[in-house]
Amino acid sequence: MAKVDYVYNTKTCRYEPVVINSQIVLRRLGRFIGISFMIGVMALLVFNANYPSVDETMLISKNQSLKSDWEVLDKKLENAARELAALEQTDDHNYRVILDLEPLAQSVREAGVGGREKENASIKYPLIKEGYEKAEKIKNRLDIEIQSFEQLGKELAYKERMWASRPAIQPISNADLTYLHTTYGMRQHPILGYWRPHRGLDFTAPKGSPIYATGDGVIEEAHYSTSFGNVVYIDHGFGFETRYAHMTEYIVKKGEHVKRGQIIGYVGNSGLSVATHLHYEVLFKGNQINPINFFQRDLNNKEYEKLVELGGIATTSLD
């Protein structure tokens, strides 16, 4: 049975059943909709004030993710800058010192760091602009360092050729050496009988002992000379030349490239010589230099002691 609503009628002083017509229904429905709308609006305002929207939540999450990625990238940029700075220090204070090159000036290393202001001005976000500028600076410094390493590579190749070419070993092995005649300068020639310059060292060794090129170079001369006998001249480049005289024979020819330590001939007694030995000379830019200055530093203690001993025994020249 449907519920019946009653209302008190003051005129009749009785409760009478309420007759529901369309006007009453519309009024009630209007009030319900109005109240519901007001509650909905208030709830929406409260929700929006305390809780972000779905799109906003997604944007916040994405922004946080991008911020985390940016922090990782920024740390990598900082690490790259530190590692590059360490490499620049090693370049300036190690590699360039070894190769006798001047350190790069700071103005050179900073060259090209600026000049991007117009391009950077189009970037709206300060964080991204700062990171872009960091990356640009690292790139420019890295370009300079690459050029520096190219220069170092070329200089190293040049110095390696120079070091390999410089006379730096004995032409006769200590194992074969009998005496070292250290007379350098004026002396009485043992055959001609008068005083004349002696611009080399005489290494006494058994006949046929091998003679070694003391540095890389090109055979400039290989022939027989009345005074030097069988003689070989080696042009080492960089202003250096060596001469090997009184050989029993030479086994190289003019224009041939030789390496340090390569056998070029054998000890003999050819030319103006009174005993089997090697006469060895070193020239720099056409001027004779005492050869002992070019191999003494490369001997170990025992080799040096033996050289001093053999040099103390013989004091006269043999040619």
Protein backbone atom coordinates (compact mmCIF):
# COMPACT_ATOMS: atom_id res chain seq x y z
CA MET A 1 0.00 0.00 0.00
CA ALA A 2 1.45 3.36 -1.04
CA LYS A 3 2.36 5.81 1.66
CA VAL A 4 -0.09 8.72 1.94
CA ASP A 5 1.10 12.14 3.11
CA TYR A 6 -1.24 14.26 5.27
CA VAL A 7 -1.25 17.99 5.94
CA TYR A 8 -3.17 19.88 8.70
CA ASN A 9 -5.90 22.11 7.35
CA THR A 10 -6.42 25.10 9.68
CA LYS A 11 -9.76 25.89 8.21
CA THR A 12 -11.29 22.53 8.80
CA CYS A 13 -9.09 21.72 11.81
CA ARG A 14 -8.40 18.32 10.33
CA TYR A 15 -5.54 16.38 8.74
CA GLU A 16 -6.31 15.92 5.12
CA PRO A 17 -4.44 13.79 2.59
CA VAL A 18 -2.11 15.73 0.30
CA VAL A 19 -3.17 15.69 -3.26
CA ILE A 20 -0.01 15.66 -5.45
CA ASN A 21 -0.45 17.42 -8.71
CA SER A 22 1.96 18.35 -11.48
CA GLN A 23 2.82 21.75 -9.99
CA ILE A 24 3.88 20.20 -6.71
CA VAL A 25 5.97 17.61 -8.54
CA LEU A 26 7.70 20.29 -10.61
CA ARG A 27 8.41 22.44 -7.55
CA ARG A 28 9.87 19.52 -5.64
CA LEU A 29 11.91 18.43 -8.67
CA GLY A 30 13.19 21.99 -9.17
CA ARG A 31 14.26 22.24 -5.54
CA PHE A 32 15.98 18.86 -5.71
CA ILE A 33 17.85 19.74 -8.91
CA GLY A 34 18.83 23.17 -7.58
CA ILE A 35 20.12 21.78 -4.30
CA SER A 36 21.90 18.92 -6.08
CA PHE A 37 23.51 21.36 -8.51
CA MET A 38 24.69 23.59 -5.67
CA ILE A 39 26.10 20.60 -3.77
CA GLY A 40 27.83 19.36 -6.96
CA VAL A 41 29.36 22.76 -7.68
CA MET A 42 30.59 23.10 -4.10
CA ALA A 43 31.99 19.55 -4.17
CA LEU A 44 33.75 20.26 -7.49
CA LEU A 45 35.25 23.47 -6.12
CA VAL A 46 36.45 21.69 -2.99
CA PHE A 47 37.89 18.81 -5.05
CA ASN A 48 39.68 21.11 -7.50
CA ALA A 49 41.07 23.12 -4.62
CA ASN A 50 42.51 20.05 -2.95
CA TYR A 51 43.12 17.57 -5.76
CA PRO A 52 44.70 18.22 -9.23
CA SER A 53 43.01 17.12 -12.37
CA VAL A 54 44.01 13.98 -14.25
CA ASP A 55 45.77 16.01 -16.95
CA GLU A 56 47.50 18.10 -14.34
CA THR A 57 48.54 14.98 -12.45
CA MET A 58 50.02 13.52 -15.62
CA LEU A 59 51.85 16.76 -16.36
CA ILE A 60 53.23 16.90 -12.81
CA SER A 61 54.42 13.31 -13.07
CA LYS A 62 56.01 13.95 -16.46
CA ASN A 63 57.63 17.15 -15.22
CA GLN A 64 59.11 15.33 -12.22
CA SER A 65 60.45 12.62 -14.50
CA LEU A 66 62.02 15.22 -16.82
CA LYS A 67 63.52 17.02 -13.82
CA SER A 68 65.12 13.78 -12.61
CA ASP A 69 66.48 13.07 -16.09
CA TRP A 70 67.83 16.62 -16.26
CA GLU A 71 69.61 16.26 -12.92
CA VAL A 72 71.30 13.09 -14.21
CA LEU A 73 72.30 14.85 -17.43
CA ASP A 74 73.59 17.89 -15.52
CA LYS A 75 75.77 15.63 -13.35
CA LYS A 76 77.16 13.99 -16.48
CA LEU A 77 78.00 17.41 -17.90
CA GLU A 78 79.77 18.34 -14.68
CA ASN A 79 81.74 15.07 -14.70
CA ALA A 80 82.67 15.59 -18.36
CA ALA A 81 83.88 19.12 -17.58
CA ARG A 82 86.05 17.85 -14.69
CA GLU A 83 87.54 15.03 -16.77
CA LEU A 84 88.27 17.44 -19.62
CA ALA A 85 89.94 19.87 -17.19
CA ALA A 86 92.16 17.03 -15.90
CA LEU A 87 93.07 16.10 -19.48
CA GLU A 88 93.93 19.74 -20.24
CA GLN A 89 96.18 19.84 -17.17
CA THR A 90 97.95 16.65 -18.26
CA ASP A 91 98.33 18.04 -21.76
CA ASP A 92 99.84 21.35 -20.60
CA HIS A 93 102.02 20.10 -17.73
CA ASN A 94 103.04 16.62 -18.89
CA TYR A 95 102.80 15.98 -22.63
CA ARG A 96 103.86 19.46 -23.69
CA VAL A 97 106.70 19.59 -21.18
CA ILE A 98 108.07 16.26 -22.45
CA LEU A 99 107.88 17.45 -26.06
CA ASP A 100 109.29 20.93 -25.31
CA LEU A 101 106.07 22.70 -26.30
CA GLU A 102 104.54 25.71 -24.59
CA PRO A 103 101.25 25.12 -22.70
CA LEU A 104 98.16 26.40 -24.48
CA ALA A 105 97.08 29.80 -23.21
CA GLN A 106 93.73 29.96 -21.43
CA SER A 107 92.51 32.41 -24.07
CA VAL A 108 93.16 29.73 -26.71
CA ARG A 109 91.32 27.06 -24.74
CA GLU A 110 88.34 29.40 -24.23
CA ALA A 111 88.26 30.42 -27.91
CA GLY A 112 84.79 30.01 -29.41
CA VAL A 113 83.07 29.52 -26.06
CA GLY A 114 80.94 32.64 -26.61
CA GLY A 115 79.26 33.74 -29.83
CA ARG A 116 76.02 31.78 -29.32
CA GLU A 117 74.05 34.45 -27.50
CA LYS A 118 71.49 34.94 -30.29
CA GLU A 119 70.93 31.22 -30.64
CA ASN A 120 70.68 30.75 -26.87
CA ALA A 121 68.28 33.70 -26.56
CA SER A 122 65.55 31.65 -28.25
CA ILE A 123 65.60 29.14 -25.36
CA LYS A 124 62.85 30.14 -22.91
CA TYR A 125 63.62 27.95 -19.94
CA PRO A 126 66.61 29.08 -17.81
CA LEU A 127 67.49 25.53 -16.71
CA ILE A 128 67.68 24.26 -20.28
CA LYS A 129 69.53 27.38 -21.40
CA GLU A 130 72.12 26.90 -18.65
CA GLY A 131 72.62 23.25 -19.58
CA TYR A 132 72.90 24.09 -23.27
CA GLU A 133 75.60 26.66 -22.51
CA LYS A 134 77.52 24.11 -20.41
CA ALA A 135 77.39 21.58 -23.24
CA GLU A 136 78.56 24.23 -25.73
CA LYS A 137 81.54 25.16 -23.57
CA ILE A 138 82.56 21.52 -23.17
CA LYS A 139 82.23 20.95 -26.92
CA ASN A 140 84.36 23.97 -27.78
CA ARG A 141 87.05 23.06 -25.24
CA LEU A 142 87.02 19.50 -26.54
CA ASP A 143 87.52 20.74 -30.11
CA ILE A 144 90.57 22.71 -28.93
CA GLU A 145 91.91 19.64 -27.09
CA ILE A 146 91.48 17.49 -30.19
CA GLN A 147 93.52 20.02 -32.17
CA SER A 148 96.12 20.01 -29.37
CA PHE A 149 96.41 16.22 -29.51
CA GLU A 150 96.83 16.36 -33.27
CA GLN A 151 99.70 18.80 -32.75
CA LEU A 152 101.17 16.55 -30.04
CA GLY A 153 100.94 13.54 -32.36
CA LYS A 154 102.83 15.34 -35.12
CA GLU A 155 105.45 16.64 -32.69
CA LEU A 156 105.87 13.18 -31.12
CA ALA A 157 106.37 11.59 -34.55
CA TYR A 158 108.97 14.26 -35.35
CA LYS A 159 110.75 13.81 -32.00
CA GLU A 160 110.72 10.01 -32.36
CA ARG A 161 112.44 10.34 -35.72
CA MET A 162 114.92 12.77 -34.20
CA TRP A 163 115.62 10.57 -31.15
CA ALA A 164 116.03 7.48 -33.31
CA SER A 165 118.36 9.35 -35.66
CA ARG A 166 120.59 10.91 -33.00
CA PRO A 167 123.88 8.98 -32.50
CA ALA A 168 123.39 7.35 -29.12
CA ILE A 169 125.26 4.03 -28.85
CA GLN A 170 128.84 2.76 -29.21
CA PRO A 171 129.80 1.70 -32.73
CA ILE A 172 131.71 -1.23 -31.22
CA SER A 173 130.20 -3.53 -28.60
CA ASN A 174 131.94 -3.63 -25.21
CA ALA A 175 132.18 -7.39 -25.67
CA ASP A 176 134.55 -6.84 -28.65
CA LEU A 177 136.26 -3.70 -27.41
CA THR A 178 139.93 -4.08 -26.41
CA TYR A 179 140.96 -0.45 -25.95
CA LEU A 180 139.36 2.94 -26.26
CA HIS A 181 141.79 5.64 -27.39
CA THR A 182 140.27 8.82 -25.96
CA THR A 183 142.73 11.22 -27.63
CA TYR A 184 140.56 13.95 -29.14
CA GLY A 185 142.12 17.14 -30.56
CA MET A 186 145.71 17.81 -31.59
CA ARG A 187 148.11 14.84 -31.62
CA GLN A 188 151.14 13.59 -33.52
CA HIS A 189 150.10 11.36 -36.41
CA PRO A 190 151.70 7.91 -35.92
CA ILE A 191 152.52 7.55 -39.64
CA LEU A 192 152.90 11.10 -41.00
CA GLY A 193 154.90 12.17 -37.97
CA TYR A 194 153.55 15.70 -37.59
CA TRP A 195 150.87 17.22 -35.39
CA ARG A 196 147.37 17.38 -36.79
CA PRO A 197 143.81 17.38 -35.42
CA HIS A 198 142.33 14.03 -34.39
CA ARG A 199 138.56 14.62 -34.51
CA GLY A 200 137.31 11.23 -33.40
CA LEU A 201 137.77 8.27 -31.06
CA ASP A 202 139.68 5.06 -31.87
CA PHE A 203 138.04 1.78 -30.84
CA THR A 204 140.49 -1.15 -30.84
CA ALA A 205 138.83 -4.52 -31.46
CA PRO A 206 139.74 -7.79 -33.18
CA LYS A 207 139.70 -7.73 -36.97
CA GLY A 208 136.27 -8.56 -38.32
CA SER A 209 134.39 -7.33 -35.22
CA PRO A 210 131.02 -5.88 -36.28
CA ILE A 211 130.57 -2.11 -36.53
CA TYR A 212 127.10 -0.74 -35.74
CA ALA A 213 125.28 2.34 -36.99
CA THR A 214 124.82 4.54 -33.95
CA GLY A 215 121.52 6.05 -35.14
CA ASP A 216 118.93 5.82 -37.93
CA GLY A 217 120.01 7.48 -41.14
CA VAL A 218 120.96 7.26 -44.81
CA ILE A 219 124.34 6.15 -46.12
CA GLU A 220 125.90 9.32 -47.48
CA GLU A 221 129.21 7.76 -48.58
CA ALA A 222 130.58 4.21 -48.68
CA HIS A 223 133.94 4.08 -50.47
CA TYR A 224 137.68 3.63 -50.14
CA SER A 225 139.75 6.65 -49.06
CA THR A 226 143.56 6.96 -49.01
CA SER A 227 143.50 8.29 -45.45
CA PHE A 228 140.36 6.67 -44.00
CA GLY A 229 140.57 3.41 -45.95
CA ASN A 230 137.18 1.75 -46.23
CA VAL A 231 134.93 4.45 -44.80
CA VAL A 232 131.17 4.96 -44.35
CA TYR A 233 129.43 8.31 -43.76
CA ILE A 234 125.89 8.26 -42.36
CA ASP A 235 123.59 11.29 -42.62
CA HIS A 236 121.23 11.06 -39.63
CA GLY A 237 119.30 14.22 -40.44
CA PHE A 238 118.57 16.92 -37.89
CA GLY A 239 122.15 18.17 -38.45
CA PHE A 240 123.91 14.96 -37.33
CA GLU A 241 126.46 12.90 -39.29
CA THR A 242 128.75 10.01 -38.26
CA ARG A 243 131.86 8.57 -39.91
CA TYR A 244 133.34 5.07 -39.58
CA ALA A 245 136.89 4.59 -40.93
CA HIS A 246 139.60 1.94 -41.50
CA MET A 247 137.09 -0.91 -41.97
CA THR A 248 138.22 -4.20 -43.38
CA GLU A 249 134.99 -4.00 -45.41
CA TYR A 250 131.63 -2.27 -45.43
CA ILE A 251 128.34 -3.99 -46.29
CA VAL A 252 126.16 -0.99 -47.10
CA LYS A 253 125.85 1.21 -50.15
CA LYS A 254 125.25 4.89 -50.80
CA GLY A 255 121.59 5.91 -50.41
CA GLU A 256 120.69 2.91 -48.25
CA HIS A 257 118.56 3.50 -45.12
CA VAL A 258 119.97 2.01 -41.92
CA LYS A 259 118.69 1.64 -38.36
CA ARG A 260 120.47 2.17 -35.06
CA GLY A 261 122.29 -1.04 -34.13
CA GLN A 262 122.43 -2.32 -37.73
CA ILE A 263 125.81 -3.76 -38.80
CA ILE A 264 127.36 -1.61 -41.52
CA GLY A 265 130.84 -3.17 -41.73
CA TYR A 266 133.71 -4.82 -39.87
CA VAL A 267 136.79 -3.62 -38.02
CA GLY A 268 139.98 -3.50 -40.10
CA ASN A 269 143.26 -1.67 -40.69
CA SER A 270 142.76 0.01 -44.06
CA GLY A 271 144.09 3.44 -45.03
CA LEU A 272 146.57 5.42 -42.87
CA SER A 273 146.36 3.22 -39.79
CA VAL A 274 148.95 1.45 -37.64
CA ALA A 275 146.68 -1.16 -36.05
CA THR A 276 143.32 -2.85 -36.38
CA HIS A 277 140.70 -0.44 -35.05
CA LEU A 278 137.69 1.78 -35.88
CA HIS A 279 138.04 5.53 -36.14
CA TYR A 280 134.65 7.04 -35.26
CA GLU A 281 133.53 10.66 -35.68
CA VAL A 282 130.36 12.60 -34.87
CA LEU A 283 129.50 15.88 -36.59
CA PHE A 284 126.71 18.35 -35.86
CA LYS A 285 125.96 20.91 -38.57
CA GLY A 286 129.34 20.20 -40.13
CA ASN A 287 131.38 20.57 -36.94
CA GLN A 288 133.15 17.66 -35.23
CA ILE A 289 132.09 16.88 -31.66
CA ASN A 290 133.73 14.49 -29.20
CA PRO A 291 131.78 11.25 -29.77
CA ILE A 292 132.07 10.18 -26.14
CA ASN A 293 129.31 12.67 -25.31
CA PHE A 294 126.87 10.65 -27.41
CA PHE A 295 127.10 7.18 -25.90
CA GLN A 296 128.47 7.64 -22.39
CA ARG A 297 125.05 8.43 -20.87
CA ASP A 298 123.46 5.28 -22.33
CA LEU A 299 125.84 2.83 -20.63
CA ASN A 300 124.99 0.96 -17.47
CA ASN A 301 127.38 1.05 -14.52
CA LYS A 302 129.41 -2.02 -15.53
CA GLU A 303 129.67 -0.89 -19.16
CA TYR A 304 130.74 2.57 -18.06
CA GLU A 305 133.37 1.18 -15.66
CA LYS A 306 134.79 -1.03 -18.41
CA LEU A 307 134.85 1.93 -20.82
CA VAL A 308 136.76 4.02 -18.26
CA GLU A 309 139.18 1.13 -17.70
CA LEU A 310 139.83 0.61 -21.42
CA GLY A 311 140.09 4.36 -21.99
CA GLY A 312 142.71 4.59 -19.25
CA ILE A 313 144.91 1.93 -20.82
CA ALA A 314 145.34 3.50 -24.27
CA THR A 315 146.20 7.15 -24.66
CA THR A 316 147.57 7.44 -28.21
CA SER A 317 145.69 7.46 -31.49
CA LEU A 318 146.16 4.83 -34.16
CA ASP A 319 145.59 7.00 -37.24
